Amino acid sequence: MRRHSGHPDDAKIAANLRRAIELTELGLALRRSVIQQHEPQGDAMVQVMREIRRAKEQAWQKNHS
């Protein structure tokens, strides 16, 4: 694998990866919270998943505009 140090997109790629990891961590924390409330199938979980999807879509749109 060739690596191009200093490539202008490197910083953008790194930022995107950090955001993806942060969103994943937040999603898992929210999921754990909902499960601890003993409502894994309830409306709260649906809302959590919608919020995660919306945040990911917004991050994706910002990076491609």
N, C-alpha and C. Protein backbone atom coordinates (compact mmCIF):
# COMPACT_ATOMS: atom_id res chain seq x y z
N MET A 1 0.84 -1.17 0.00
CA MET A 1 0.00 0.00 0.00
C MET A 1 0.90 1.24 0.00
N ARG A 2 0.67 2.12 -0.94
CA ARG A 2 1.44 3.36 -1.00
C ARG A 2 0.78 4.42 -0.15
N ARG A 3 1.60 5.21 0.46
CA ARG A 3 1.09 6.28 1.32
C ARG A 3 1.62 7.60 0.82
N HIS A 4 0.72 8.55 0.65
CA HIS A 4 1.09 9.88 0.20
C HIS A 4 1.00 10.82 1.39
N SER A 5 2.12 11.05 2.03
CA SER A 5 2.09 11.93 3.20
C SER A 5 1.83 13.36 2.75
N GLY A 6 1.07 14.05 3.51
CA GLY A 6 0.77 15.44 3.21
C GLY A 6 -0.31 15.62 2.15
N HIS A 7 -0.94 14.55 1.75
CA HIS A 7 -2.02 14.65 0.77
C HIS A 7 -3.13 15.50 1.36
N PRO A 8 -3.69 16.42 0.59
CA PRO A 8 -4.70 17.34 1.15
C PRO A 8 -5.92 16.64 1.73
N ASP A 9 -6.25 15.47 1.21
CA ASP A 9 -7.43 14.77 1.71
C ASP A 9 -7.16 13.98 2.99
N ASP A 10 -5.89 13.82 3.37
CA ASP A 10 -5.57 13.05 4.57
C ASP A 10 -6.26 13.61 5.81
N ALA A 11 -6.22 14.91 5.98
CA ALA A 11 -6.84 15.53 7.16
C ALA A 11 -8.35 15.34 7.13
N LYS A 12 -8.93 15.46 5.95
CA LYS A 12 -10.38 15.29 5.81
C LYS A 12 -10.78 13.85 6.11
N ILE A 13 -10.00 12.90 5.61
CA ILE A 13 -10.28 11.48 5.87
C ILE A 13 -10.16 11.18 7.35
N ALA A 14 -9.12 11.71 7.98
CA ALA A 14 -8.93 11.49 9.42
C ALA A 14 -10.09 12.08 10.22
N ALA A 15 -10.53 13.27 9.84
CA ALA A 15 -11.65 13.91 10.54
C ALA A 15 -12.93 13.09 10.36
N ASN A 16 -13.14 12.57 9.16
CA ASN A 16 -14.33 11.74 8.91
C ASN A 16 -14.30 10.47 9.75
N LEU A 17 -13.13 9.86 9.84
CA LEU A 17 -13.00 8.65 10.65
C LEU A 17 -13.27 8.94 12.12
N ARG A 18 -12.74 10.06 12.60
CA ARG A 18 -12.99 10.44 14.01
C ARG A 18 -14.48 10.63 14.24
N ARG A 19 -15.15 11.32 13.32
CA ARG A 19 -16.59 11.54 13.46
C ARG A 19 -17.35 10.23 13.44
N ALA A 20 -16.96 9.33 12.56
CA ALA A 20 -17.63 8.03 12.49
C ALA A 20 -17.47 7.26 13.79
N ILE A 21 -16.28 7.29 14.34
CA ILE A 21 -16.03 6.60 15.62
C ILE A 21 -16.84 7.24 16.73
N GLU A 22 -16.87 8.56 16.76
CA GLU A 22 -17.65 9.27 17.79
C GLU A 22 -19.13 8.92 17.67
N LEU A 23 -19.66 8.90 16.44
CA LEU A 23 -21.07 8.56 16.25
C LEU A 23 -21.35 7.13 16.69
N THR A 24 -20.44 6.24 16.38
CA THR A 24 -20.61 4.84 16.79
C THR A 24 -20.61 4.72 18.31
N GLU A 25 -19.67 5.41 18.96
CA GLU A 25 -19.62 5.37 20.42
C GLU A 25 -20.89 5.94 21.03
N LEU A 26 -21.37 7.05 20.48
CA LEU A 26 -22.61 7.64 20.99
C LEU A 26 -23.79 6.71 20.78
N GLY A 27 -23.84 6.10 19.62
CA GLY A 27 -24.93 5.17 19.33
C GLY A 27 -24.93 3.99 20.28
N LEU A 28 -23.76 3.45 20.54
CA LEU A 28 -23.67 2.32 21.46
C LEU A 28 -24.04 2.73 22.88
N ALA A 29 -23.64 3.92 23.29
CA ALA A 29 -24.00 4.40 24.63
C ALA A 29 -25.51 4.59 24.75
N LEU A 30 -26.12 5.14 23.71
CA LEU A 30 -27.57 5.32 23.73
C LEU A 30 -28.29 3.98 23.75
N ARG A 31 -27.79 3.04 22.94
CA ARG A 31 -28.40 1.71 22.90
C ARG A 31 -28.31 1.04 24.26
N ARG A 32 -27.14 1.12 24.89
CA ARG A 32 -26.95 0.53 26.21
C ARG A 32 -27.92 1.14 27.22
N SER A 33 -28.09 2.45 27.14
CA SER A 33 -29.00 3.14 28.05
C SER A 33 -30.43 2.65 27.87
N VAL A 34 -30.84 2.50 26.62
CA VAL A 34 -32.20 2.03 26.36
C VAL A 34 -32.38 0.61 26.86
N ILE A 35 -31.41 -0.24 26.61
CA ILE A 35 -31.50 -1.64 27.05
C ILE A 35 -31.55 -1.71 28.57
N GLN A 36 -30.79 -0.87 29.24
CA GLN A 36 -30.79 -0.87 30.70
C GLN A 36 -32.15 -0.45 31.25
N GLN A 37 -32.94 0.24 30.45
CA GLN A 37 -34.29 0.63 30.87
C GLN A 37 -35.29 -0.50 30.63
N HIS A 38 -34.77 -1.65 30.16
CA HIS A 38 -35.59 -2.83 29.91
C HIS A 38 -36.64 -2.59 28.83
N GLU A 39 -36.30 -1.76 27.85
CA GLU A 39 -37.20 -1.50 26.72
C GLU A 39 -36.44 -1.63 25.41
N PRO A 40 -35.79 -2.77 25.14
CA PRO A 40 -34.99 -2.87 23.93
C PRO A 40 -35.79 -2.79 22.64
N GLN A 41 -37.08 -3.07 22.69
CA GLN A 41 -37.91 -3.02 21.49
C GLN A 41 -38.80 -1.79 21.46
N GLY A 42 -38.69 -0.92 22.45
CA GLY A 42 -39.61 0.21 22.59
C GLY A 42 -39.33 1.35 21.63
N ASP A 43 -40.16 2.35 21.71
CA ASP A 43 -40.05 3.54 20.85
C ASP A 43 -38.74 4.29 21.07
N ALA A 44 -38.19 4.21 22.26
CA ALA A 44 -36.94 4.92 22.55
C ALA A 44 -35.83 4.43 21.64
N MET A 45 -35.77 3.12 21.40
CA MET A 45 -34.72 2.56 20.54
C MET A 45 -34.91 3.03 19.10
N VAL A 46 -36.13 3.07 18.64
CA VAL A 46 -36.41 3.55 17.29
C VAL A 46 -35.96 4.99 17.15
N GLN A 47 -36.24 5.80 18.14
CA GLN A 47 -35.84 7.21 18.12
C GLN A 47 -34.32 7.34 18.12
N VAL A 48 -33.64 6.53 18.92
CA VAL A 48 -32.17 6.55 18.96
C VAL A 48 -31.61 6.24 17.58
N MET A 49 -32.10 5.22 16.94
CA MET A 49 -31.60 4.83 15.63
C MET A 49 -31.87 5.91 14.59
N ARG A 50 -33.01 6.55 14.67
CA ARG A 50 -33.31 7.66 13.74
C ARG A 50 -32.34 8.82 13.93
N GLU A 51 -32.06 9.15 15.18
CA GLU A 51 -31.14 10.25 15.47
C GLU A 51 -29.73 9.93 14.97
N ILE A 52 -29.30 8.69 15.15
CA ILE A 52 -27.98 8.29 14.67
C ILE A 52 -27.93 8.38 13.15
N ARG A 53 -28.95 7.88 12.49
CA ARG A 53 -29.00 7.92 11.03
C ARG A 53 -29.00 9.36 10.53
N ARG A 54 -29.77 10.22 11.17
CA ARG A 54 -29.84 11.63 10.78
C ARG A 54 -28.48 12.32 10.96
N ALA A 55 -27.81 12.04 12.07
CA ALA A 55 -26.49 12.64 12.31
C ALA A 55 -25.48 12.17 11.27
N LYS A 56 -25.53 10.89 10.93
CA LYS A 56 -24.61 10.37 9.92
C LYS A 56 -24.89 11.01 8.56
N GLU A 57 -26.15 11.14 8.20
CA GLU A 57 -26.51 11.75 6.91
C GLU A 57 -26.04 13.20 6.85
N GLN A 58 -26.21 13.94 7.95
CA GLN A 58 -25.78 15.33 7.98
C GLN A 58 -24.26 15.43 7.86
N ALA A 59 -23.55 14.55 8.54
CA ALA A 59 -22.08 14.56 8.44
C ALA A 59 -21.64 14.23 7.03
N TRP A 60 -22.33 13.28 6.39
CA TRP A 60 -21.99 12.89 5.03
C TRP A 60 -22.22 14.06 4.06
N GLN A 61 -23.36 14.75 4.22
CA GLN A 61 -23.68 15.86 3.34
C GLN A 61 -22.69 17.01 3.50
N LYS A 62 -22.28 17.29 4.72
CA LYS A 62 -21.31 18.36 4.97
C LYS A 62 -19.98 18.06 4.30
N ASN A 63 -19.59 16.79 4.28
CA ASN A 63 -18.30 16.41 3.70
C ASN A 63 -18.33 16.38 2.19
N HIS A 64 -19.49 16.33 1.59
CA HIS A 64 -19.57 16.24 0.14
C HIS A 64 -20.08 17.54 -0.49
N SER A 65 -20.18 18.59 0.29
CA SER A 65 -20.63 19.86 -0.28
C SER A 65 -19.49 20.84 -0.42
